Amino acid sequence: QVQLVESGGGLVQAGGSLRLSCAASERTTSTYVMGWFRQAPGAARDFVASISKSGQQTIYTDSVKGRFTISRDNAKNTVYLQMNSLKPEDTAVYYCAATVSSVVSRLNYVYAYWGQGTQVTVSS
């Protein structure tokens, strides 16, 4: 159903910033809880952040608190992940995901719709 396309990844020096975007093929307003996940080579897909349908509630994994900010613009059907003070351990493919769940979630199996991912590489 809904299609998600990530963009904004790239190569950045440690301490730098990137803003990822996730464009949805249909309205996200009052429709989907959205999440960001990341997967390093050979590793599992790990939770990064989630945002409620209205954008009023957000949750983050501990390692990105204070550095990353998830936001959404439902009028543009777009979710963002602002990443500041990037570290080499942030290097991964970042995926946008959507769920019809009514609450934010850090569980990957809750999300039924996934983008193809965008590579983020942080050099040391």
C-alpha atoms as a PDB file:
ATOM      1  CA  GLN A   1       0.000   0.000   0.000  1.00  0.00           C
ATOM      2  CA  VAL A   2       1.905   3.044   1.209  1.00  0.00           C
ATOM      3  CA  GLN A   3       5.330   3.444  -0.390  1.00  0.00           C
ATOM      4  CA  LEU A   4       8.197   5.088   1.466  1.00  0.00           C
ATOM      5  CA  VAL A   5      11.314   6.611  -0.089  1.00  0.00           C
ATOM      6  CA  GLU A   6      14.275   7.770   2.002  1.00  0.00           C
ATOM      7  CA  SER A   7      16.772  10.411   0.941  1.00  0.00           C
ATOM      8  CA  GLY A   8      19.464  12.623   2.421  1.00  0.00           C
ATOM      9  CA  GLY A   9      22.102  10.053   3.298  1.00  0.00           C
ATOM     10  CA  GLY A  10      25.751  10.470   2.474  1.00  0.00           C
ATOM     11  CA  LEU A  11      29.299  10.691   3.765  1.00  0.00           C
ATOM     12  CA  VAL A  12      30.006  13.069   6.628  1.00  0.00           C
ATOM     13  CA  GLN A  13      32.853  13.715   9.050  1.00  0.00           C
ATOM     14  CA  ALA A  14      32.440  12.859  12.722  1.00  0.00           C
ATOM     15  CA  GLY A  15      30.694  15.728  14.484  1.00  0.00           C
ATOM     16  CA  GLY A  16      28.817  16.730  11.369  1.00  0.00           C
ATOM     17  CA  SER A  17      25.110  16.705  10.591  1.00  0.00           C
ATOM     18  CA  LEU A  18      22.692  15.189   8.098  1.00  0.00           C
ATOM     19  CA  ARG A  19      18.940  15.418   7.676  1.00  0.00           C
ATOM     20  CA  LEU A  20      17.172  12.363   6.319  1.00  0.00           C
ATOM     21  CA  SER A  21      13.780  12.604   4.647  1.00  0.00           C
ATOM     22  CA  CYS A  22      11.118   9.958   4.145  1.00  0.00           C
ATOM     23  CA  ALA A  23       8.495  10.727   1.523  1.00  0.00           C
ATOM     24  CA  ALA A  24       5.262   8.741   1.644  1.00  0.00           C
ATOM     25  CA  SER A  25       3.020   7.991  -1.319  1.00  0.00           C
ATOM     26  CA  GLU A  26      -0.149   8.950   0.522  1.00  0.00           C
ATOM     27  CA  ARG A  27      -1.347  11.098   3.403  1.00  0.00           C
ATOM     28  CA  THR A  28       0.302  10.327   6.720  1.00  0.00           C
ATOM     29  CA  THR A  29      -1.844  12.689   8.756  1.00  0.00           C
ATOM     30  CA  SER A  30      -3.778  10.672  11.362  1.00  0.00           C
ATOM     31  CA  THR A  31      -2.915   7.512   9.444  1.00  0.00           C
ATOM     32  CA  TYR A  32       0.493   6.130  10.450  1.00  0.00           C
ATOM     33  CA  VAL A  33       2.881   6.110  13.331  1.00  0.00           C
ATOM     34  CA  MET A  34       6.309   6.517  11.735  1.00  0.00           C
ATOM     35  CA  GLY A  35       9.699   5.209  12.727  1.00  0.00           C
ATOM     36  CA  TRP A  36      13.356   5.299  11.783  1.00  0.00           C
ATOM     37  CA  PHE A  37      15.553   2.212  12.042  1.00  0.00           C
ATOM     38  CA  ARG A  38      19.148   1.533  11.074  1.00  0.00           C
ATOM     39  CA  GLN A  39      21.178  -1.496  10.118  1.00  0.00           C
ATOM     40  CA  ALA A  40      24.958  -1.733  10.133  1.00  0.00           C
ATOM     41  CA  PRO A  41      26.727  -4.377   8.013  1.00  0.00           C
ATOM     42  CA  GLY A  42      26.176  -7.834   9.486  1.00  0.00           C
ATOM     43  CA  ALA A  43      23.991  -6.448  12.274  1.00  0.00           C
ATOM     44  CA  ALA A  44      20.304  -6.539  13.122  1.00  0.00           C
ATOM     45  CA  ARG A  45      17.894  -3.776  12.245  1.00  0.00           C
ATOM     46  CA  ASP A  46      17.844  -1.470  15.272  1.00  0.00           C
ATOM     47  CA  PHE A  47      15.305   1.087  16.412  1.00  0.00           C
ATOM     48  CA  VAL A  48      16.279   4.756  16.237  1.00  0.00           C
ATOM     49  CA  ALA A  49      13.177   6.915  16.719  1.00  0.00           C
ATOM     50  CA  SER A  50       9.393   6.930  16.420  1.00  0.00           C
ATOM     51  CA  ILE A  51       6.792   9.674  16.157  1.00  0.00           C
ATOM     52  CA  SER A  52       3.044   9.653  16.771  1.00  0.00           C
ATOM     53  CA  LYS A  53       0.463  10.310  14.074  1.00  0.00           C
ATOM     54  CA  SER A  54       0.051  13.931  15.146  1.00  0.00           C
ATOM     55  CA  GLY A  55       3.739  14.476  15.848  1.00  0.00           C
ATOM     56  CA  GLN A  56       3.027  15.254  19.503  1.00  0.00           C
ATOM     57  CA  GLN A  57       4.912  12.277  20.919  1.00  0.00           C
ATOM     58  CA  THR A  58       8.407  11.039  20.088  1.00  0.00           C
ATOM     59  CA  ILE A  59      10.676   8.331  21.457  1.00  0.00           C
ATOM     60  CA  TYR A  60      14.354   7.604  20.825  1.00  0.00           C
ATOM     61  CA  THR A  61      16.880   4.909  21.462  1.00  0.00           C
ATOM     62  CA  ASP A  62      19.272   5.963  24.231  1.00  0.00           C
ATOM     63  CA  SER A  63      22.336   6.258  22.004  1.00  0.00           C
ATOM     64  CA  VAL A  64      20.822   9.073  19.899  1.00  0.00           C
ATOM     65  CA  LYS A  65      18.995  11.076  22.573  1.00  0.00           C
ATOM     66  CA  GLY A  66      20.078  14.700  22.461  1.00  0.00           C
ATOM     67  CA  ARG A  67      21.635  14.270  19.021  1.00  0.00           C
ATOM     68  CA  PHE A  68      18.814  13.126  16.725  1.00  0.00           C
ATOM     69  CA  THR A  69      15.369  14.651  16.246  1.00  0.00           C
ATOM     70  CA  ILE A  70      12.443  12.989  14.487  1.00  0.00           C
ATOM     71  CA  SER A  71       9.740  15.235  13.067  1.00  0.00           C
ATOM     72  CA  ARG A  72       6.971  15.106  10.509  1.00  0.00           C
ATOM     73  CA  ASP A  73       5.149  17.393   8.124  1.00  0.00           C
ATOM     74  CA  ASN A  74       1.870  15.651   7.390  1.00  0.00           C
ATOM     75  CA  ALA A  75       0.899  18.254   4.786  1.00  0.00           C
ATOM     76  CA  LYS A  76       3.948  17.123   2.794  1.00  0.00           C
ATOM     77  CA  ASN A  77       3.564  13.424   3.674  1.00  0.00           C
ATOM     78  CA  THR A  78       7.146  13.538   4.898  1.00  0.00           C
ATOM     79  CA  VAL A  79       9.029  12.420   8.007  1.00  0.00           C
ATOM     80  CA  TYR A  80      12.484  13.714   8.894  1.00  0.00           C
ATOM     81  CA  LEU A  81      15.411  12.603  10.988  1.00  0.00           C
ATOM     82  CA  GLN A  82      17.787  15.424  11.882  1.00  0.00           C
ATOM     83  CA  MET A  83      21.113  13.906  12.923  1.00  0.00           C
ATOM     84  CA  ASN A  84      23.649  16.108  14.698  1.00  0.00           C
ATOM     85  CA  SER A  85      27.005  15.373  16.313  1.00  0.00           C
ATOM     86  CA  LEU A  86      27.337  12.258  14.213  1.00  0.00           C
ATOM     87  CA  LYS A  87      29.664   9.492  15.348  1.00  0.00           C
ATOM     88  CA  PRO A  88      31.305   6.668  13.376  1.00  0.00           C
ATOM     89  CA  GLU A  89      29.033   4.200  15.179  1.00  0.00           C
ATOM     90  CA  ASP A  90      26.051   5.920  13.526  1.00  0.00           C
ATOM     91  CA  THR A  91      27.210   4.481  10.200  1.00  0.00           C
ATOM     92  CA  ALA A  92      24.401   2.316   8.822  1.00  0.00           C
ATOM     93  CA  VAL A  93      21.650   2.063   6.271  1.00  0.00           C
ATOM     94  CA  TYR A  94      18.737   4.078   7.646  1.00  0.00           C
ATOM     95  CA  TYR A  95      15.185   2.892   6.985  1.00  0.00           C
ATOM     96  CA  CYS A  96      11.884   4.700   7.303  1.00  0.00           C
ATOM     97  CA  ALA A  97       8.892   2.630   8.422  1.00  0.00           C
ATOM     98  CA  ALA A  98       5.146   3.070   8.920  1.00  0.00           C
ATOM     99  CA  THR A  99       2.560   1.310  11.078  1.00  0.00           C
ATOM    100  CA  VAL A 100      -1.184   1.662  11.562  1.00  0.00           C
ATOM    101  CA  SER A 101      -0.601   1.234  15.294  1.00  0.00           C
ATOM    102  CA  SER A 102      -2.046   3.999  17.438  1.00  0.00           C
ATOM    103  CA  VAL A 103       1.047   4.306  19.650  1.00  0.00           C
ATOM    104  CA  VAL A 104       4.733   4.926  19.042  1.00  0.00           C
ATOM    105  CA  SER A 105       6.819   1.764  19.030  1.00  0.00           C
ATOM    106  CA  ARG A 106      10.453   0.673  19.051  1.00  0.00           C
ATOM    107  CA  LEU A 107       9.562  -2.853  17.866  1.00  0.00           C
ATOM    108  CA  ASN A 108      10.443  -3.479  14.238  1.00  0.00           C
ATOM    109  CA  TYR A 109       7.783  -6.155  13.741  1.00  0.00           C
ATOM    110  CA  VAL A 110       5.052  -3.600  14.434  1.00  0.00           C
ATOM    111  CA  TYR A 111       5.919  -1.729  11.248  1.00  0.00           C
ATOM    112  CA  ALA A 112       4.347  -3.199   8.112  1.00  0.00           C
ATOM    113  CA  TYR A 113       5.695  -0.726   5.548  1.00  0.00           C
ATOM    114  CA  TRP A 114       9.365  -0.005   4.886  1.00  0.00           C
ATOM    115  CA  GLY A 115      11.444   2.132   2.583  1.00  0.00           C
ATOM    116  CA  GLN A 116      14.502   0.899   0.703  1.00  0.00           C
ATOM    117  CA  GLY A 117      16.967   2.702   2.945  1.00  0.00           C
ATOM    118  CA  THR A 118      19.601   5.395   2.582  1.00  0.00           C
ATOM    119  CA  GLN A 119      23.279   4.969   3.448  1.00  0.00           C
ATOM    120  CA  VAL A 120      24.827   7.138   6.155  1.00  0.00           C
ATOM    121  CA  THR A 121      28.595   6.902   6.554  1.00  0.00           C
ATOM    122  CA  VAL A 122      30.410   8.822   9.287  1.00  0.00           C
ATOM    123  CA  SER A 123      34.179   8.970   8.941  1.00  0.00           C
ATOM    124  CA  SER A 124      36.528   9.156  11.919  1.00  0.00           C
END
